[in-house]
Each structure stands twice: as structure tokens, then as C-alpha cells.
Amino acid sequence: MANDSVLSSRLGPSACKKNAKILQFIEKITRMVDAVQQSILDEILTRNSQIEYFNDRLTFRSNILIVTYEYLQVKIQHTKYNPDPFSNHFQTN
């Protein structure tokens, strides 16, 4: 990294090493999102296998709402351009 020398001079080598490990972890989990999500879901299903809808991935997904980025993006954009979502519900005449 180009900023390694700048960071090491300000924070010291041990801070840079620690930050580098954290950044590597973040890169790893964001690079393999599907695999990480699958691993976490498998762990949840294993721990909660006695619950009816936690038996397998397909049953889980059919019973639990899975929110997608596209769904959230619509809500975020609406909030961004309409910061007071209740204003149209409380209009006075």
C-alpha cells in the first residue's frame, strides 16, 4: 500500500500491522459475501435445528423475509428525497 509508510510513521508499526489484519479480514468477507452468508446461515440452522422452520436453507428462506439490497435501495432513496416520511399523513387543512 502507498499509505503504509505514512501510517507507520504516525501510528507505529504495530498499529499498522493490526490495521492491515483488520483490512484483510474485511476484504476477505466482502469478497466472498455469498460463501460467508451461507456459512453463517448454516451455523444458525445447525444451532436451531429443533425449530421447525430452521431445518434447512429452503425452509428457512420460505418462512423468513430475506431483504435484498434492491429492496433497501428503494427505501433509502425514498428517505433521502423525502426526509419526513410522515409529513403527508399529518397535513392540516
C-alpha atoms as a PDB file:
ATOM      1  CA  MET A   1       0.000   0.000   0.000  1.00  0.00           C
ATOM      2  CA  ALA A   2       1.136   3.531  -0.706  1.00  0.00           C
ATOM      3  CA  ASN A   3      -0.075   4.728   2.677  1.00  0.00           C
ATOM      4  CA  ASP A   4       1.893   2.136   4.668  1.00  0.00           C
ATOM      5  CA  SER A   5       4.797   4.475   5.329  1.00  0.00           C
ATOM      6  CA  VAL A   6       2.505   7.343   6.301  1.00  0.00           C
ATOM      7  CA  LEU A   7       0.538   5.127   8.675  1.00  0.00           C
ATOM      8  CA  SER A   8       3.603   3.556  10.225  1.00  0.00           C
ATOM      9  CA  SER A   9       5.171   6.928  10.915  1.00  0.00           C
ATOM     10  CA  ARG A  10       2.016   8.248  12.606  1.00  0.00           C
ATOM     11  CA  LEU A  11       0.744   5.164  14.387  1.00  0.00           C
ATOM     12  CA  GLY A  12       3.799   2.983  14.726  1.00  0.00           C
ATOM     13  CA  PRO A  13       4.467  -0.398  13.095  1.00  0.00           C
ATOM     14  CA  SER A  14       2.292  -2.447  15.474  1.00  0.00           C
ATOM     15  CA  ALA A  15      -0.779  -0.302  14.726  1.00  0.00           C
ATOM     16  CA  CYS A  16      -0.210  -0.707  11.004  1.00  0.00           C
ATOM     17  CA  LYS A  17       0.139  -4.467  11.376  1.00  0.00           C
ATOM     18  CA  LYS A  18      -3.091  -4.634  13.392  1.00  0.00           C
ATOM     19  CA  ASN A  19      -4.921  -2.423  10.885  1.00  0.00           C
ATOM     20  CA  ALA A  20      -3.595  -4.496   7.999  1.00  0.00           C
ATOM     21  CA  LYS A  21      -5.034  -7.658   9.570  1.00  0.00           C
ATOM     22  CA  ILE A  22      -8.392  -5.970  10.081  1.00  0.00           C
ATOM     23  CA  LEU A  23      -8.422  -4.713   6.490  1.00  0.00           C
ATOM     24  CA  GLN A  24      -7.506  -8.185   5.207  1.00  0.00           C
ATOM     25  CA  PHE A  25     -10.416  -9.657   7.177  1.00  0.00           C
ATOM     26  CA  ILE A  26     -12.833  -7.047   5.792  1.00  0.00           C
ATOM     27  CA  GLU A  27     -11.595  -7.664   2.247  1.00  0.00           C
ATOM     28  CA  LYS A  28     -11.961 -11.421   2.701  1.00  0.00           C
ATOM     29  CA  ILE A  29     -15.543 -11.330   3.946  1.00  0.00           C
ATOM     30  CA  THR A  30     -16.661  -8.722   1.423  1.00  0.00           C
ATOM     31  CA  ARG A  31     -15.026 -10.573  -1.454  1.00  0.00           C
ATOM     32  CA  MET A  32     -16.818 -13.828  -0.609  1.00  0.00           C
ATOM     33  CA  VAL A  33     -20.203 -12.499   0.512  1.00  0.00           C
ATOM     34  CA  ASP A  34     -22.252 -15.496  -0.650  1.00  0.00           C
ATOM     35  CA  ALA A  35     -19.940 -18.022   0.998  1.00  0.00           C
ATOM     36  CA  VAL A  36     -19.830 -16.047   4.252  1.00  0.00           C
ATOM     37  CA  GLN A  37     -23.617 -15.659   4.315  1.00  0.00           C
ATOM     38  CA  GLN A  38     -24.058 -19.365   3.589  1.00  0.00           C
ATOM     39  CA  SER A  39     -21.634 -20.275   6.369  1.00  0.00           C
ATOM     40  CA  ILE A  40     -23.417 -18.034   8.882  1.00  0.00           C
ATOM     41  CA  LEU A  41     -26.833 -19.336   7.858  1.00  0.00           C
ATOM     42  CA  ASP A  42     -25.596 -22.936   8.144  1.00  0.00           C
ATOM     43  CA  GLU A  43     -24.393 -22.189  11.676  1.00  0.00           C
ATOM     44  CA  ILE A  44     -27.747 -20.619  12.608  1.00  0.00           C
ATOM     45  CA  LEU A  45     -29.636 -23.587  11.163  1.00  0.00           C
ATOM     46  CA  THR A  46     -27.409 -26.065  12.995  1.00  0.00           C
ATOM     47  CA  ARG A  47     -27.804 -24.320  16.339  1.00  0.00           C
ATOM     48  CA  ASN A  48     -31.573 -24.026  15.934  1.00  0.00           C
ATOM     49  CA  SER A  49     -32.341 -27.299  14.165  1.00  0.00           C
ATOM     50  CA  GLN A  50     -35.039 -28.192  16.712  1.00  0.00           C
ATOM     51  CA  ILE A  51     -37.187 -25.283  15.471  1.00  0.00           C
ATOM     52  CA  GLU A  52     -39.484 -26.279  12.615  1.00  0.00           C
ATOM     53  CA  TYR A  53     -38.518 -23.603  10.098  1.00  0.00           C
ATOM     54  CA  PHE A  54     -34.794 -23.854  10.843  1.00  0.00           C
ATOM     55  CA  ASN A  55     -34.396 -27.352   9.398  1.00  0.00           C
ATOM     56  CA  ASP A  56     -32.831 -26.398   6.089  1.00  0.00           C
ATOM     57  CA  ARG A  57     -31.990 -23.390   3.975  1.00  0.00           C
ATOM     58  CA  LEU A  58     -35.016 -23.599   1.661  1.00  0.00           C
ATOM     59  CA  THR A  59     -37.495 -23.900   4.528  1.00  0.00           C
ATOM     60  CA  PHE A  60     -35.799 -21.036   6.322  1.00  0.00           C
ATOM     61  CA  ARG A  61     -35.914 -18.788   3.271  1.00  0.00           C
ATOM     62  CA  SER A  62     -39.576 -19.595   2.653  1.00  0.00           C
ATOM     63  CA  ASN A  63     -40.504 -18.595   6.236  1.00  0.00           C
ATOM     64  CA  ILE A  64     -38.145 -15.705   6.924  1.00  0.00           C
ATOM     65  CA  LEU A  65     -38.117 -12.495   4.910  1.00  0.00           C
ATOM     66  CA  ILE A  66     -34.756 -12.088   3.227  1.00  0.00           C
ATOM     67  CA  VAL A  67     -34.140  -8.436   2.456  1.00  0.00           C
ATOM     68  CA  THR A  68     -32.209  -7.659  -0.700  1.00  0.00           C
ATOM     69  CA  TYR A  69     -30.056  -4.662  -1.482  1.00  0.00           C
ATOM     70  CA  GLU A  70     -32.503  -3.652  -4.205  1.00  0.00           C
ATOM     71  CA  TYR A  71     -35.375  -3.589  -1.689  1.00  0.00           C
ATOM     72  CA  LEU A  72     -33.378  -1.479   0.737  1.00  0.00           C
ATOM     73  CA  GLN A  73     -32.121   0.819  -2.006  1.00  0.00           C
ATOM     74  CA  VAL A  74     -35.699   1.876  -2.825  1.00  0.00           C
ATOM     75  CA  LYS A  75     -36.349   2.655   0.849  1.00  0.00           C
ATOM     76  CA  ILE A  76     -33.055   4.538   1.186  1.00  0.00           C
ATOM     77  CA  GLN A  77     -33.726   6.631  -1.913  1.00  0.00           C
ATOM     78  CA  HIS A  78     -37.240   7.423  -0.690  1.00  0.00           C
ATOM     79  CA  THR A  79     -35.891   8.543   2.680  1.00  0.00           C
ATOM     80  CA  LYS A  80     -33.124  10.512   1.015  1.00  0.00           C
ATOM     81  CA  TYR A  81     -35.536  12.532  -1.122  1.00  0.00           C
ATOM     82  CA  ASN A  82     -38.392  12.636   1.390  1.00  0.00           C
ATOM     83  CA  PRO A  83     -36.699  13.151   4.763  1.00  0.00           C
ATOM     84  CA  ASP A  84     -40.001  13.483   6.631  1.00  0.00           C
ATOM     85  CA  PRO A  85     -41.981  10.375   5.628  1.00  0.00           C
ATOM     86  CA  PHE A  86     -44.896  11.278   7.909  1.00  0.00           C
ATOM     87  CA  SER A  87     -45.445  14.800   6.612  1.00  0.00           C
ATOM     88  CA  ASN A  88     -48.054  13.740   4.054  1.00  0.00           C
ATOM     89  CA  HIS A  89     -50.024  11.855   6.743  1.00  0.00           C
ATOM     90  CA  PHE A  90     -50.424  14.823   9.080  1.00  0.00           C
ATOM     91  CA  GLN A  91     -51.408  17.652   6.781  1.00  0.00           C
ATOM     92  CA  THR A  92     -53.729  20.245   8.225  1.00  0.00           C
ATOM     93  CA  ASN A  93     -56.486  21.766   6.115  1.00  0.00           C
END
